[in-house]
Amino acid sequence: MKKILLLSDNHSYIDDRILAYAEKADEIWHAGDIGSLEVTDKLTEKAPLKAVYGNIDDHSIRKEFPLNNRFMCEEVDVFITHIGGYPKKYAPRIKEEIQQNPPKIFISGHSHILKVMHDKQLNLLHMNPGACGKHGFHQVRTMLRFEIDKKEIKNLEVIELGKR
């Protein structure tokens, strides 16, 4: 079983509250707009990190992390990208891949809108953790925490970090 912390859209912001949750995770997954390698350096001190770069990320972050990250966690196929859309409105650049070979979990960031929804047509779970940074139009900073046990995704929890 793996305890996962899912976050996105730090825009260079990291604080002790984020790091306290990171410390309790077996793995940290980041859906882009990291902003600074200082953010990922601090996160990797707490737990292994899987991440993608976002549209605001510079060349140093783009050298460190891919545009898309697809991997297995336990027995669950996971696909992370920054600008990915959501069920029935997937981004054009990834729509065909998701339709031809759907993952079990599809994760994107970018919108700063926390969203967890099941795509019944593709039988996948879409997750967007919202934004845990202070830049953007969102009012409340959010992350997601959940567990993966073999094929099962369970104990999903929304973490609210307070006002931006």
C-alpha atoms as a PDB file:
ATOM      1  CA  MET A   1       0.000   0.000   0.000  1.00  0.00           C
ATOM      2  CA  LYS A   2       1.193   3.529  -0.854  1.00  0.00           C
ATOM      3  CA  LYS A   3       0.100   6.797   0.710  1.00  0.00           C
ATOM      4  CA  ILE A   4       0.087   9.474  -1.995  1.00  0.00           C
ATOM      5  CA  LEU A   5       0.175  13.260  -1.653  1.00  0.00           C
ATOM      6  CA  LEU A   6      -0.951  14.977  -4.859  1.00  0.00           C
ATOM      7  CA  LEU A   7      -0.272  18.659  -5.402  1.00  0.00           C
ATOM      8  CA  SER A   8       0.027  21.196  -8.190  1.00  0.00           C
ATOM      9  CA  ASP A   9       0.571  24.841  -9.006  1.00  0.00           C
ATOM     10  CA  ASN A  10       2.970  25.885  -6.268  1.00  0.00           C
ATOM     11  CA  HIS A  11       4.267  28.752  -8.415  1.00  0.00           C
ATOM     12  CA  SER A  12       7.483  28.674  -6.306  1.00  0.00           C
ATOM     13  CA  TYR A  13       5.602  28.643  -2.991  1.00  0.00           C
ATOM     14  CA  ILE A  14       6.300  26.011  -0.329  1.00  0.00           C
ATOM     15  CA  ASP A  15       5.558  26.193   3.379  1.00  0.00           C
ATOM     16  CA  ASP A  16       5.745  24.056   6.512  1.00  0.00           C
ATOM     17  CA  ARG A  17       2.108  22.914   6.189  1.00  0.00           C
ATOM     18  CA  ILE A  18       2.750  21.429   2.739  1.00  0.00           C
ATOM     19  CA  LEU A  19       5.965  19.816   3.993  1.00  0.00           C
ATOM     20  CA  ALA A  20       4.215  18.338   7.045  1.00  0.00           C
ATOM     21  CA  TYR A  21       1.786  16.499   4.754  1.00  0.00           C
ATOM     22  CA  ALA A  22       4.661  15.513   2.442  1.00  0.00           C
ATOM     23  CA  GLU A  23       6.456  13.913   5.364  1.00  0.00           C
ATOM     24  CA  LYS A  24       3.513  11.536   5.923  1.00  0.00           C
ATOM     25  CA  ALA A  25       3.432  10.367   2.283  1.00  0.00           C
ATOM     26  CA  ASP A  26       5.106   7.337   0.730  1.00  0.00           C
ATOM     27  CA  GLU A  27       5.176   9.182  -2.605  1.00  0.00           C
ATOM     28  CA  ILE A  28       4.513  12.758  -3.696  1.00  0.00           C
ATOM     29  CA  TRP A  29       3.028  13.432  -7.125  1.00  0.00           C
ATOM     30  CA  HIS A  30       3.191  16.928  -8.624  1.00  0.00           C
ATOM     31  CA  ALA A  31       1.053  18.037 -11.590  1.00  0.00           C
ATOM     32  CA  GLY A  32       3.203  20.986 -12.692  1.00  0.00           C
ATOM     33  CA  ASP A  33       3.713  24.730 -12.358  1.00  0.00           C
ATOM     34  CA  ILE A  34       6.377  24.024  -9.786  1.00  0.00           C
ATOM     35  CA  GLY A  35       7.994  27.429 -10.258  1.00  0.00           C
ATOM     36  CA  SER A  36      11.347  26.696  -8.641  1.00  0.00           C
ATOM     37  CA  LEU A  37      13.557  23.667  -8.111  1.00  0.00           C
ATOM     38  CA  GLU A  38      13.713  24.726  -4.459  1.00  0.00           C
ATOM     39  CA  VAL A  39      10.124  23.419  -4.178  1.00  0.00           C
ATOM     40  CA  THR A  40      10.998  19.971  -5.531  1.00  0.00           C
ATOM     41  CA  ASP A  41      14.237  19.851  -3.542  1.00  0.00           C
ATOM     42  CA  LYS A  42      12.284  20.358  -0.311  1.00  0.00           C
ATOM     43  CA  LEU A  43       9.626  17.825  -1.319  1.00  0.00           C
ATOM     44  CA  THR A  44      12.179  15.127  -2.202  1.00  0.00           C
ATOM     45  CA  GLU A  45      13.684  15.496   1.270  1.00  0.00           C
ATOM     46  CA  LYS A  46      10.350  14.175   2.592  1.00  0.00           C
ATOM     47  CA  ALA A  47       9.425  11.413   0.097  1.00  0.00           C
ATOM     48  CA  PRO A  48      10.095  10.204  -3.453  1.00  0.00           C
ATOM     49  CA  LEU A  49       8.664  12.600  -6.054  1.00  0.00           C
ATOM     50  CA  LYS A  50       7.046  12.018  -9.445  1.00  0.00           C
ATOM     51  CA  ALA A  51       6.349  15.264 -11.292  1.00  0.00           C
ATOM     52  CA  VAL A  52       5.733  16.986 -14.615  1.00  0.00           C
ATOM     53  CA  TYR A  53       6.551  20.505 -15.706  1.00  0.00           C
ATOM     54  CA  GLY A  54       3.880  23.107 -16.279  1.00  0.00           C
ATOM     55  CA  ASN A  55       3.507  26.104 -18.545  1.00  0.00           C
ATOM     56  CA  ILE A  56       5.211  28.539 -16.129  1.00  0.00           C
ATOM     57  CA  ASP A  57       8.193  26.268 -15.475  1.00  0.00           C
ATOM     58  CA  ASP A  58      11.554  27.351 -16.872  1.00  0.00           C
ATOM     59  CA  HIS A  59      14.226  25.355 -18.690  1.00  0.00           C
ATOM     60  CA  SER A  60      15.837  24.047 -15.475  1.00  0.00           C
ATOM     61  CA  ILE A  61      12.574  22.429 -14.363  1.00  0.00           C
ATOM     62  CA  ARG A  62      11.860  21.182 -17.901  1.00  0.00           C
ATOM     63  CA  LYS A  63      15.253  19.463 -17.919  1.00  0.00           C
ATOM     64  CA  GLU A  64      14.453  17.763 -14.605  1.00  0.00           C
ATOM     65  CA  PHE A  65      10.841  16.685 -15.234  1.00  0.00           C
ATOM     66  CA  PRO A  66       8.876  15.500 -18.314  1.00  0.00           C
ATOM     67  CA  LEU A  67       5.766  16.994 -19.930  1.00  0.00           C
ATOM     68  CA  ASN A  68       3.891  13.719 -19.297  1.00  0.00           C
ATOM     69  CA  ASN A  69       4.624  11.079 -16.687  1.00  0.00           C
ATOM     70  CA  ARG A  70       3.001   7.668 -16.999  1.00  0.00           C
ATOM     71  CA  PHE A  71       3.847   4.953 -14.491  1.00  0.00           C
ATOM     72  CA  MET A  72       2.475   2.120 -12.396  1.00  0.00           C
ATOM     73  CA  CYS A  73       1.825   2.534  -8.677  1.00  0.00           C
ATOM     74  CA  GLU A  74       1.064  -0.813  -7.114  1.00  0.00           C
ATOM     75  CA  GLU A  75      -1.284  -2.225  -9.800  1.00  0.00           C
ATOM     76  CA  VAL A  76      -2.694   1.124 -10.918  1.00  0.00           C
ATOM     77  CA  ASP A  77      -1.765   2.827 -14.215  1.00  0.00           C
ATOM     78  CA  VAL A  78      -1.236   6.566 -13.608  1.00  0.00           C
ATOM     79  CA  PHE A  79      -0.885   9.377 -16.169  1.00  0.00           C
ATOM     80  CA  ILE A  80       0.112  12.896 -15.038  1.00  0.00           C
ATOM     81  CA  THR A  81       0.335  16.006 -17.211  1.00  0.00           C
ATOM     82  CA  HIS A  82      -0.103  19.678 -16.417  1.00  0.00           C
ATOM     83  CA  ILE A  83      -2.618  20.842 -19.034  1.00  0.00           C
ATOM     84  CA  GLY A  84      -4.844  17.831 -19.553  1.00  0.00           C
ATOM     85  CA  GLY A  85      -8.437  18.933 -19.275  1.00  0.00           C
ATOM     86  CA  TYR A  86     -11.029  16.652 -17.738  1.00  0.00           C
ATOM     87  CA  PRO A  87     -13.642  14.074 -18.813  1.00  0.00           C
ATOM     88  CA  LYS A  88     -15.419  15.057 -22.039  1.00  0.00           C
ATOM     89  CA  LYS A  89     -13.028  18.046 -22.350  1.00  0.00           C
ATOM     90  CA  TYR A  90      -9.538  16.521 -22.523  1.00  0.00           C
ATOM     91  CA  ALA A  91      -6.749  18.651 -23.992  1.00  0.00           C
ATOM     92  CA  PRO A  92      -6.287  17.929 -27.716  1.00  0.00           C
ATOM     93  CA  ARG A  93      -2.617  16.893 -27.378  1.00  0.00           C
ATOM     94  CA  ILE A  94      -3.419  13.990 -24.999  1.00  0.00           C
ATOM     95  CA  LYS A  95      -7.018  13.138 -25.903  1.00  0.00           C
ATOM     96  CA  GLU A  96      -6.173  10.404 -28.415  1.00  0.00           C
ATOM     97  CA  GLU A  97      -3.664   8.674 -26.125  1.00  0.00           C
ATOM     98  CA  ILE A  98      -6.114   8.628 -23.223  1.00  0.00           C
ATOM     99  CA  GLN A  99      -8.918   7.306 -25.407  1.00  0.00           C
ATOM    100  CA  GLN A 100      -6.785   4.593 -27.027  1.00  0.00           C
ATOM    101  CA  ASN A 101      -5.054   3.495 -23.824  1.00  0.00           C
ATOM    102  CA  PRO A 102      -6.863   4.879 -20.774  1.00  0.00           C
ATOM    103  CA  PRO A 103      -4.980   4.921 -17.468  1.00  0.00           C
ATOM    104  CA  LYS A 104      -6.791   4.091 -14.218  1.00  0.00           C
ATOM    105  CA  ILE A 105      -5.944   7.569 -12.818  1.00  0.00           C
ATOM    106  CA  PHE A 106      -5.559  10.663 -15.005  1.00  0.00           C
ATOM    107  CA  ILE A 107      -4.083  13.692 -13.197  1.00  0.00           C
ATOM    108  CA  SER A 108      -3.760  17.262 -14.390  1.00  0.00           C
ATOM    109  CA  GLY A 109      -3.227  20.658 -12.818  1.00  0.00           C
ATOM    110  CA  HIS A 110      -3.256  24.116 -14.432  1.00  0.00           C
ATOM    111  CA  SER A 111      -6.846  25.206 -13.741  1.00  0.00           C
ATOM    112  CA  HIS A 112      -6.314  25.819  -9.986  1.00  0.00           C
ATOM    113  CA  ILE A 113      -9.738  24.167  -9.593  1.00  0.00           C
ATOM    114  CA  LEU A 114      -9.909  21.123  -7.341  1.00  0.00           C
ATOM    115  CA  LYS A 115     -11.762  18.406  -9.215  1.00  0.00           C
ATOM    116  CA  VAL A 116     -12.159  14.653  -8.746  1.00  0.00           C
ATOM    117  CA  MET A 117     -14.484  12.925 -11.152  1.00  0.00           C
ATOM    118  CA  HIS A 118     -15.041   9.511 -12.676  1.00  0.00           C
ATOM    119  CA  ASP A 119     -14.959   9.212 -16.454  1.00  0.00           C
ATOM    120  CA  LYS A 120     -17.503   6.452 -16.963  1.00  0.00           C
ATOM    121  CA  GLN A 121     -16.838   6.226 -20.692  1.00  0.00           C
ATOM    122  CA  LEU A 122     -13.099   5.499 -20.247  1.00  0.00           C
ATOM    123  CA  ASN A 123     -13.401   3.970 -16.762  1.00  0.00           C
ATOM    124  CA  LEU A 124     -10.782   6.242 -15.235  1.00  0.00           C
ATOM    125  CA  LEU A 125     -10.577   8.537 -12.244  1.00  0.00           C
ATOM    126  CA  HIS A 126      -9.663  12.135 -13.068  1.00  0.00           C
ATOM    127  CA  MET A 127      -7.960  14.180 -10.343  1.00  0.00           C
ATOM    128  CA  ASN A 128      -6.906  17.816 -10.221  1.00  0.00           C
ATOM    129  CA  PRO A 129      -5.604  18.797  -6.771  1.00  0.00           C
ATOM    130  CA  GLY A 130      -6.283  22.505  -7.286  1.00  0.00           C
ATOM    131  CA  ALA A 131      -3.426  24.826  -6.339  1.00  0.00           C
ATOM    132  CA  CYS A 132      -1.306  24.824  -3.189  1.00  0.00           C
ATOM    133  CA  GLY A 133       0.563  28.029  -4.040  1.00  0.00           C
ATOM    134  CA  LYS A 134      -0.440  31.639  -3.548  1.00  0.00           C
ATOM    135  CA  HIS A 135      -0.495  32.843  -7.206  1.00  0.00           C
ATOM    136  CA  GLY A 136      -3.723  32.593  -9.175  1.00  0.00           C
ATOM    137  CA  PHE A 137      -7.428  33.229  -8.829  1.00  0.00           C
ATOM    138  CA  HIS A 138      -8.187  30.357  -6.419  1.00  0.00           C
ATOM    139  CA  GLN A 139      -9.340  31.371  -2.959  1.00  0.00           C
ATOM    140  CA  VAL A 140      -8.326  28.306  -0.925  1.00  0.00           C
ATOM    141  CA  ARG A 141      -5.033  26.402  -1.333  1.00  0.00           C
ATOM    142  CA  THR A 142      -5.686  22.664  -1.767  1.00  0.00           C
ATOM    143  CA  MET A 143      -4.014  19.279  -2.209  1.00  0.00           C
ATOM    144  CA  LEU A 144      -5.265  15.679  -2.320  1.00  0.00           C
ATOM    145  CA  ARG A 145      -4.224  12.686  -0.263  1.00  0.00           C
ATOM    146  CA  PHE A 146      -5.196   9.068  -0.945  1.00  0.00           C
ATOM    147  CA  GLU A 147      -3.965   5.495  -0.804  1.00  0.00           C
ATOM    148  CA  ILE A 148      -3.349   2.910  -3.479  1.00  0.00           C
ATOM    149  CA  ASP A 149      -3.570  -0.689  -2.324  1.00  0.00           C
ATOM    150  CA  LYS A 150      -2.910  -3.102  -5.176  1.00  0.00           C
ATOM    151  CA  LYS A 151      -5.720  -2.133  -7.647  1.00  0.00           C
ATOM    152  CA  GLU A 152      -7.761  -0.132  -5.151  1.00  0.00           C
ATOM    153  CA  ILE A 153      -7.762   3.665  -4.809  1.00  0.00           C
ATOM    154  CA  LYS A 154      -9.112   4.546  -1.375  1.00  0.00           C
ATOM    155  CA  ASN A 155      -9.300   7.014   1.506  1.00  0.00           C
ATOM    156  CA  LEU A 156      -9.320  10.077  -0.755  1.00  0.00           C
ATOM    157  CA  GLU A 157      -9.079  13.268   1.263  1.00  0.00           C
ATOM    158  CA  VAL A 158      -9.161  16.932   0.272  1.00  0.00           C
ATOM    159  CA  ILE A 159      -6.591  18.966   2.182  1.00  0.00           C
ATOM    160  CA  GLU A 160      -7.374  22.651   2.589  1.00  0.00           C
ATOM    161  CA  LEU A 161      -4.338  24.745   3.441  1.00  0.00           C
ATOM    162  CA  GLY A 162      -6.194  27.990   4.065  1.00  0.00           C
ATOM    163  CA  LYS A 163      -6.645  31.180   2.077  1.00  0.00           C
ATOM    164  CA  ARG A 164      -4.002  32.168  -0.412  1.00  0.00           C
END
